[in-house]
Amino acid sequence: MNIQKIAIHEEEAFIRLDALLKLAGCVETGGHAKIVIQNGEVMVNGETCTMRGKKMHRGDQAAYNGMIYEVS
């Protein structure tokens, strides 16, 4: 799997999972992100995650549709 790093600003401590997927460009809308997350299609740090508001911190990884997105 390919890893794409998603940078957050230093003053931000985290990014929500649904916002991460949107920022990465793998979903077009927040509604689409909600659906794929609630359907169990997204893994966070190796485990299926169904919480769209999951706080993603630096070093956390989300996997979706054959890609891994790492917060940096």
PDB file of N, CA and C in Angstrom:
ATOM      1  N   MET A   1       0.837  -1.196   0.000  1.00  0.00           N
ATOM      2  CA  MET A   1       0.000   0.000   0.000  1.00  0.00           C
ATOM      3  C   MET A   1       0.871   1.245   0.000  1.00  0.00           C
ATOM      4  N   ASN A   2       0.407   2.249  -0.687  1.00  0.00           N
ATOM      5  CA  ASN A   2       1.094   3.529  -0.701  1.00  0.00           C
ATOM      6  C   ASN A   2       0.711   4.353   0.511  1.00  0.00           C
ATOM      7  N   ILE A   3       1.641   5.135   1.023  1.00  0.00           N
ATOM      8  CA  ILE A   3       1.367   6.002   2.164  1.00  0.00           C
ATOM      9  C   ILE A   3       1.416   7.454   1.707  1.00  0.00           C
ATOM     10  N   GLN A   4       0.346   8.178   2.000  1.00  0.00           N
ATOM     11  CA  GLN A   4       0.284   9.612   1.701  1.00  0.00           C
ATOM     12  C   GLN A   4       0.270  10.351   3.024  1.00  0.00           C
ATOM     13  N   LYS A   5       1.209  11.272   3.205  1.00  0.00           N
ATOM     14  CA  LYS A   5       1.269  12.048   4.447  1.00  0.00           C
ATOM     15  C   LYS A   5       0.347  13.253   4.340  1.00  0.00           C
ATOM     16  N   ILE A   6      -0.427  13.487   5.396  1.00  0.00           N
ATOM     17  CA  ILE A   6      -1.331  14.622   5.482  1.00  0.00           C
ATOM     18  C   ILE A   6      -0.829  15.508   6.613  1.00  0.00           C
ATOM     19  N   ALA A   7      -0.364  16.700   6.268  1.00  0.00           N
ATOM     20  CA  ALA A   7       0.205  17.608   7.264  1.00  0.00           C
ATOM     21  C   ALA A   7      -0.879  18.452   7.918  1.00  0.00           C
ATOM     22  N   ILE A   8      -0.773  18.598   9.238  1.00  0.00           N
ATOM     23  CA  ILE A   8      -1.646  19.525   9.956  1.00  0.00           C
ATOM     24  C   ILE A   8      -0.751  20.606  10.546  1.00  0.00           C
ATOM     25  N   HIS A   9      -1.320  21.778  10.741  1.00  0.00           N
ATOM     26  CA  HIS A   9      -0.546  22.901  11.280  1.00  0.00           C
ATOM     27  C   HIS A   9      -0.124  22.611  12.705  1.00  0.00           C
ATOM     28  N   GLU A  10       0.989  23.195  13.104  1.00  0.00           N
ATOM     29  CA  GLU A  10       1.537  22.929  14.436  1.00  0.00           C
ATOM     30  C   GLU A  10       0.582  23.308  15.556  1.00  0.00           C
ATOM     31  N   GLU A  11      -0.236  24.351  15.358  1.00  0.00           N
ATOM     32  CA  GLU A  11      -1.150  24.752  16.422  1.00  0.00           C
ATOM     33  C   GLU A  11      -2.343  23.801  16.543  1.00  0.00           C
ATOM     34  N   GLU A  12      -2.559  22.972  15.525  1.00  0.00           N
ATOM     35  CA  GLU A  12      -3.651  22.001  15.581  1.00  0.00           C
ATOM     36  C   GLU A  12      -3.134  20.714  16.211  1.00  0.00           C
ATOM     37  N   ALA A  13      -3.838  20.235  17.212  1.00  0.00           N
ATOM     38  CA  ALA A  13      -3.408  19.019  17.892  1.00  0.00           C
ATOM     39  C   ALA A  13      -3.924  17.768  17.187  1.00  0.00           C
ATOM     40  N   PHE A  14      -5.006  17.896  16.407  1.00  0.00           N
ATOM     41  CA  PHE A  14      -5.600  16.729  15.757  1.00  0.00           C
ATOM     42  C   PHE A  14      -6.444  17.164  14.562  1.00  0.00           C
ATOM     43  N   ILE A  15      -6.870  16.170  13.780  1.00  0.00           N
ATOM     44  CA  ILE A  15      -7.824  16.374  12.698  1.00  0.00           C
ATOM     45  C   ILE A  15      -8.838  15.242  12.798  1.00  0.00           C
ATOM     46  N   ARG A  16     -10.093  15.542  12.540  1.00  0.00           N
ATOM     47  CA  ARG A  16     -11.122  14.502  12.591  1.00  0.00           C
ATOM     48  C   ARG A  16     -10.955  13.560  11.401  1.00  0.00           C
ATOM     49  N   LEU A  17     -11.325  12.310  11.593  1.00  0.00           N
ATOM     50  CA  LEU A  17     -11.177  11.303  10.552  1.00  0.00           C
ATOM     51  C   LEU A  17     -11.917  11.698   9.279  1.00  0.00           C
ATOM     52  N   ASP A  18     -13.147  12.186   9.393  1.00  0.00           N
ATOM     53  CA  ASP A  18     -13.894  12.554   8.189  1.00  0.00           C
ATOM     54  C   ASP A  18     -13.216  13.705   7.447  1.00  0.00           C
ATOM     55  N   ALA A  19     -12.654  14.661   8.179  1.00  0.00           N
ATOM     56  CA  ALA A  19     -11.946  15.779   7.567  1.00  0.00           C
ATOM     57  C   ALA A  19     -10.644  15.306   6.918  1.00  0.00           C
ATOM     58  N   LEU A  20      -9.981  14.334   7.524  1.00  0.00           N
ATOM     59  CA  LEU A  20      -8.755  13.777   6.963  1.00  0.00           C
ATOM     60  C   LEU A  20      -9.027  13.146   5.602  1.00  0.00           C
ATOM     61  N   LEU A  21     -10.093  12.368   5.508  1.00  0.00           N
ATOM     62  CA  LEU A  21     -10.430  11.725   4.241  1.00  0.00           C
ATOM     63  C   LEU A  21     -10.774  12.749   3.168  1.00  0.00           C
ATOM     64  N   LYS A  22     -11.454  13.815   3.581  1.00  0.00           N
ATOM     65  CA  LYS A  22     -11.790  14.886   2.642  1.00  0.00           C
ATOM     66  C   LYS A  22     -10.534  15.624   2.190  1.00  0.00           C
ATOM     67  N   LEU A  23      -9.668  15.955   3.123  1.00  0.00           N
ATOM     68  CA  LEU A  23      -8.434  16.667   2.820  1.00  0.00           C
ATOM     69  C   LEU A  23      -7.530  15.838   1.903  1.00  0.00           C
ATOM     70  N   ALA A  24      -7.528  14.539   2.107  1.00  0.00           N
ATOM     71  CA  ALA A  24      -6.715  13.643   1.286  1.00  0.00           C
ATOM     72  C   ALA A  24      -7.271  13.502  -0.128  1.00  0.00           C
ATOM     73  N   GLY A  25      -8.536  13.884  -0.316  1.00  0.00           N
ATOM     74  CA  GLY A  25      -9.145  13.813  -1.634  1.00  0.00           C
ATOM     75  C   GLY A  25      -9.699  12.450  -1.994  1.00  0.00           C
ATOM     76  N   CYS A  26      -9.817  11.560  -1.019  1.00  0.00           N
ATOM     77  CA  CYS A  26     -10.342  10.230  -1.333  1.00  0.00           C
ATOM     78  C   CYS A  26     -11.861  10.166  -1.230  1.00  0.00           C
ATOM     79  N   VAL A  27     -12.482  11.191  -0.669  1.00  0.00           N
ATOM     80  CA  VAL A  27     -13.940  11.351  -0.704  1.00  0.00           C
ATOM     81  C   VAL A  27     -14.219  12.785  -1.119  1.00  0.00           C
ATOM     82  N   GLU A  28     -15.375  12.997  -1.739  1.00  0.00           N
ATOM     83  CA  GLU A  28     -15.687  14.336  -2.236  1.00  0.00           C
ATOM     84  C   GLU A  28     -16.380  15.219  -1.209  1.00  0.00           C
ATOM     85  N   THR A  29     -17.183  14.612  -0.350  1.00  0.00           N
ATOM     86  CA  THR A  29     -17.951  15.395   0.617  1.00  0.00           C
ATOM     87  C   THR A  29     -17.870  14.773   2.005  1.00  0.00           C
ATOM     88  N   GLY A  30     -18.281  15.554   2.987  1.00  0.00           N
ATOM     89  CA  GLY A  30     -18.354  15.028   4.345  1.00  0.00           C
ATOM     90  C   GLY A  30     -19.385  13.916   4.460  1.00  0.00           C
ATOM     91  N   GLY A  31     -20.460  14.032   3.684  1.00  0.00           N
ATOM     92  CA  GLY A  31     -21.491  12.988   3.683  1.00  0.00           C
ATOM     93  C   GLY A  31     -20.957  11.667   3.158  1.00  0.00           C
ATOM     94  N   HIS A  32     -20.133  11.738   2.113  1.00  0.00           N
ATOM     95  CA  HIS A  32     -19.514  10.530   1.568  1.00  0.00           C
ATOM     96  C   HIS A  32     -18.561   9.924   2.597  1.00  0.00           C
ATOM     97  N   ALA A  33     -17.801  10.774   3.283  1.00  0.00           N
ATOM     98  CA  ALA A  33     -16.894  10.299   4.336  1.00  0.00           C
ATOM     99  C   ALA A  33     -17.681   9.585   5.436  1.00  0.00           C
ATOM    100  N   LYS A  34     -18.798  10.175   5.828  1.00  0.00           N
ATOM    101  CA  LYS A  34     -19.648   9.581   6.871  1.00  0.00           C
ATOM    102  C   LYS A  34     -20.089   8.177   6.477  1.00  0.00           C
ATOM    103  N   ILE A  35     -20.503   8.022   5.233  1.00  0.00           N
ATOM    104  CA  ILE A  35     -21.000   6.725   4.765  1.00  0.00           C
ATOM    105  C   ILE A  35     -19.898   5.665   4.774  1.00  0.00           C
ATOM    106  N   VAL A  36     -18.723   5.992   4.208  1.00  0.00           N
ATOM    107  CA  VAL A  36     -17.667   4.977   4.146  1.00  0.00           C
ATOM    108  C   VAL A  36     -17.144   4.621   5.536  1.00  0.00           C
ATOM    109  N   ILE A  37     -17.115   5.602   6.430  1.00  0.00           N
ATOM    110  CA  ILE A  37     -16.663   5.326   7.798  1.00  0.00           C
ATOM    111  C   ILE A  37     -17.684   4.460   8.526  1.00  0.00           C
ATOM    112  N   GLN A  38     -18.959   4.830   8.456  1.00  0.00           N
ATOM    113  CA  GLN A  38     -19.990   4.067   9.160  1.00  0.00           C
ATOM    114  C   GLN A  38     -20.193   2.671   8.570  1.00  0.00           C
ATOM    115  N   ASN A  39     -19.832   2.482   7.302  1.00  0.00           N
ATOM    116  CA  ASN A  39     -19.922   1.156   6.679  1.00  0.00           C
ATOM    117  C   ASN A  39     -18.733   0.267   7.044  1.00  0.00           C
ATOM    118  N   GLY A  40     -17.789   0.788   7.833  1.00  0.00           N
ATOM    119  CA  GLY A  40     -16.642   0.001   8.265  1.00  0.00           C
ATOM    120  C   GLY A  40     -15.580  -0.169   7.195  1.00  0.00           C
ATOM    121  N   GLU A  41     -15.530   0.756   6.222  1.00  0.00           N
ATOM    122  CA  GLU A  41     -14.573   0.668   5.128  1.00  0.00           C
ATOM    123  C   GLU A  41     -13.227   1.315   5.457  1.00  0.00           C
ATOM    124  N   VAL A  42     -13.122   1.966   6.615  1.00  0.00           N
ATOM    125  CA  VAL A  42     -11.902   2.691   6.988  1.00  0.00           C
ATOM    126  C   VAL A  42     -11.270   2.031   8.213  1.00  0.00           C
ATOM    127  N   MET A  43      -9.951   1.865   8.139  1.00  0.00           N
ATOM    128  CA  MET A  43      -9.221   1.335   9.289  1.00  0.00           C
ATOM    129  C   MET A  43      -8.329   2.440   9.841  1.00  0.00           C
ATOM    130  N   VAL A  44      -8.277   2.535  11.171  1.00  0.00           N
ATOM    131  CA  VAL A  44      -7.414   3.503  11.841  1.00  0.00           C
ATOM    132  C   VAL A  44      -6.425   2.717  12.691  1.00  0.00           C
ATOM    133  N   ASN A  45      -5.151   2.935  12.401  1.00  0.00           N
ATOM    134  CA  ASN A  45      -4.082   2.243  13.130  1.00  0.00           C
ATOM    135  C   ASN A  45      -4.305   0.733  13.178  1.00  0.00           C
ATOM    136  N   GLY A  46      -4.763   0.173  12.038  1.00  0.00           N
ATOM    137  CA  GLY A  46      -4.916  -1.274  11.913  1.00  0.00           C
ATOM    138  C   GLY A  46      -6.230  -1.854  12.378  1.00  0.00           C
ATOM    139  N   GLU A  47      -7.144  -1.012  12.870  1.00  0.00           N
ATOM    140  CA  GLU A  47      -8.439  -1.503  13.351  1.00  0.00           C
ATOM    141  C   GLU A  47      -9.567  -0.766  12.649  1.00  0.00           C
ATOM    142  N   THR A  48     -10.653  -1.492  12.346  1.00  0.00           N
ATOM    143  CA  THR A  48     -11.810  -0.868  11.723  1.00  0.00           C
ATOM    144  C   THR A  48     -12.358   0.209  12.644  1.00  0.00           C
ATOM    145  N   CYS A  49     -12.662   1.367  12.078  1.00  0.00           N
ATOM    146  CA  CYS A  49     -13.177   2.489  12.863  1.00  0.00           C
ATOM    147  C   CYS A  49     -14.477   2.975  12.235  1.00  0.00           C
ATOM    148  N   THR A  50     -15.519   3.100  13.044  1.00  0.00           N
ATOM    149  CA  THR A  50     -16.813   3.581  12.557  1.00  0.00           C
ATOM    150  C   THR A  50     -17.174   4.938  13.160  1.00  0.00           C
ATOM    151  N   MET A  51     -16.209   5.608  13.790  1.00  0.00           N
ATOM    152  CA  MET A  51     -16.449   6.922  14.399  1.00  0.00           C
ATOM    153  C   MET A  51     -15.919   8.007  13.481  1.00  0.00           C
ATOM    154  N   ARG A  52     -16.814   8.740  12.819  1.00  0.00           N
ATOM    155  CA  ARG A  52     -16.347   9.758  11.877  1.00  0.00           C
ATOM    156  C   ARG A  52     -15.655  10.917  12.579  1.00  0.00           C
ATOM    157  N   GLY A  53     -15.944  11.148  13.850  1.00  0.00           N
ATOM    158  CA  GLY A  53     -15.322  12.221  14.606  1.00  0.00           C
ATOM    159  C   GLY A  53     -14.051  11.797  15.313  1.00  0.00           C
ATOM    160  N   LYS A  54     -13.548  10.605  14.996  1.00  0.00           N
ATOM    161  CA  LYS A  54     -12.321  10.089  15.634  1.00  0.00           C
ATOM    162  C   LYS A  54     -11.201  11.114  15.482  1.00  0.00           C
ATOM    163  N   LYS A  55     -10.557  11.454  16.575  1.00  0.00           N
ATOM    164  CA  LYS A  55      -9.456  12.420  16.547  1.00  0.00           C
ATOM    165  C   LYS A  55      -8.186  11.720  16.077  1.00  0.00           C
ATOM    166  N   MET A  56      -7.624  12.243  15.002  1.00  0.00           N
ATOM    167  CA  MET A  56      -6.405  11.686  14.422  1.00  0.00           C
ATOM    168  C   MET A  56      -5.246  12.609  14.794  1.00  0.00           C
ATOM    169  N   HIS A  57      -4.258  12.065  15.488  1.00  0.00           N
ATOM    170  CA  HIS A  57      -3.097  12.830  15.927  1.00  0.00           C
ATOM    171  C   HIS A  57      -1.889  12.483  15.052  1.00  0.00           C
ATOM    172  N   ARG A  58      -0.833  13.265  15.161  1.00  0.00           N
ATOM    173  CA  ARG A  58       0.380  12.996  14.384  1.00  0.00           C
ATOM    174  C   ARG A  58       0.835  11.549  14.609  1.00  0.00           C
ATOM    175  N   GLY A  59       1.158  10.879  13.504  1.00  0.00           N
ATOM    176  CA  GLY A  59       1.594   9.484  13.567  1.00  0.00           C
ATOM    177  C   GLY A  59       0.473   8.487  13.358  1.00  0.00           C
ATOM    178  N   ASP A  60      -0.792   8.914  13.527  1.00  0.00           N
ATOM    179  CA  ASP A  60      -1.923   8.018  13.289  1.00  0.00           C
ATOM    180  C   ASP A  60      -2.070   7.770  11.793  1.00  0.00           C
ATOM    181  N   GLN A  61      -2.578   6.575  11.455  1.00  0.00           N
ATOM    182  CA  GLN A  61      -2.780   6.216  10.060  1.00  0.00           C
ATOM    183  C   GLN A  61      -4.213   5.773   9.831  1.00  0.00           C
ATOM    184  N   ALA A  62      -4.771   6.192   8.701  1.00  0.00           N
ATOM    185  CA  ALA A  62      -6.090   5.748   8.266  1.00  0.00           C
ATOM    186  C   ALA A  62      -5.915   5.066   6.924  1.00  0.00           C
ATOM    187  N   ALA A  63      -6.505   3.887   6.767  1.00  0.00           N
ATOM    188  CA  ALA A  63      -6.424   3.150   5.503  1.00  0.00           C
ATOM    189  C   ALA A  63      -7.812   3.095   4.880  1.00  0.00           C
ATOM    190  N   TYR A  64      -7.854   3.442   3.583  1.00  0.00           N
ATOM    191  CA  TYR A  64      -9.122   3.406   2.848  1.00  0.00           C
ATOM    192  C   TYR A  64      -8.828   3.214   1.366  1.00  0.00           C
ATOM    193  N   ASN A  65      -9.543   2.302   0.752  1.00  0.00           N
ATOM    194  CA  ASN A  65      -9.500   2.114  -0.696  1.00  0.00           C
ATOM    195  C   ASN A  65      -8.080   1.878  -1.215  1.00  0.00           C
ATOM    196  N   GLY A  66      -7.309   1.065  -0.494  1.00  0.00           N
ATOM    197  CA  GLY A  66      -5.969   0.699  -0.932  1.00  0.00           C
ATOM    198  C   GLY A  66      -4.875   1.712  -0.625  1.00  0.00           C
ATOM    199  N   MET A  67      -5.212   2.768   0.067  1.00  0.00           N
ATOM    200  CA  MET A  67      -4.215   3.804   0.411  1.00  0.00           C
ATOM    201  C   MET A  67      -4.134   3.940   1.933  1.00  0.00           C
ATOM    202  N   ILE A  68      -2.975   4.403   2.393  1.00  0.00           N
ATOM    203  CA  ILE A  68      -2.791   4.709   3.812  1.00  0.00           C
ATOM    204  C   ILE A  68      -2.508   6.206   3.901  1.00  0.00           C
ATOM    205  N   TYR A  69      -3.223   6.870   4.790  1.00  0.00           N
ATOM    206  CA  TYR A  69      -3.059   8.318   5.004  1.00  0.00           C
ATOM    207  C   TYR A  69      -2.522   8.510   6.405  1.00  0.00           C
ATOM    208  N   GLU A  70      -1.338   9.108   6.517  1.00  0.00           N
ATOM    209  CA  GLU A  70      -0.682   9.312   7.818  1.00  0.00           C
ATOM    210  C   GLU A  70      -0.671  10.777   8.173  1.00  0.00           C
ATOM    211  N   VAL A  71      -1.097  11.081   9.396  1.00  0.00           N
ATOM    212  CA  VAL A  71      -1.099  12.452   9.885  1.00  0.00           C
ATOM    213  C   VAL A  71       0.325  12.825  10.264  1.00  0.00           C
ATOM    214  N   SER A  72       0.783  13.963   9.750  1.00  0.00           N
ATOM    215  CA  SER A  72       2.147  14.407  10.081  1.00  0.00           C
ATOM    216  C   SER A  72       2.140  15.876  10.463  1.00  0.00           C
TER     217      SER A  72
END
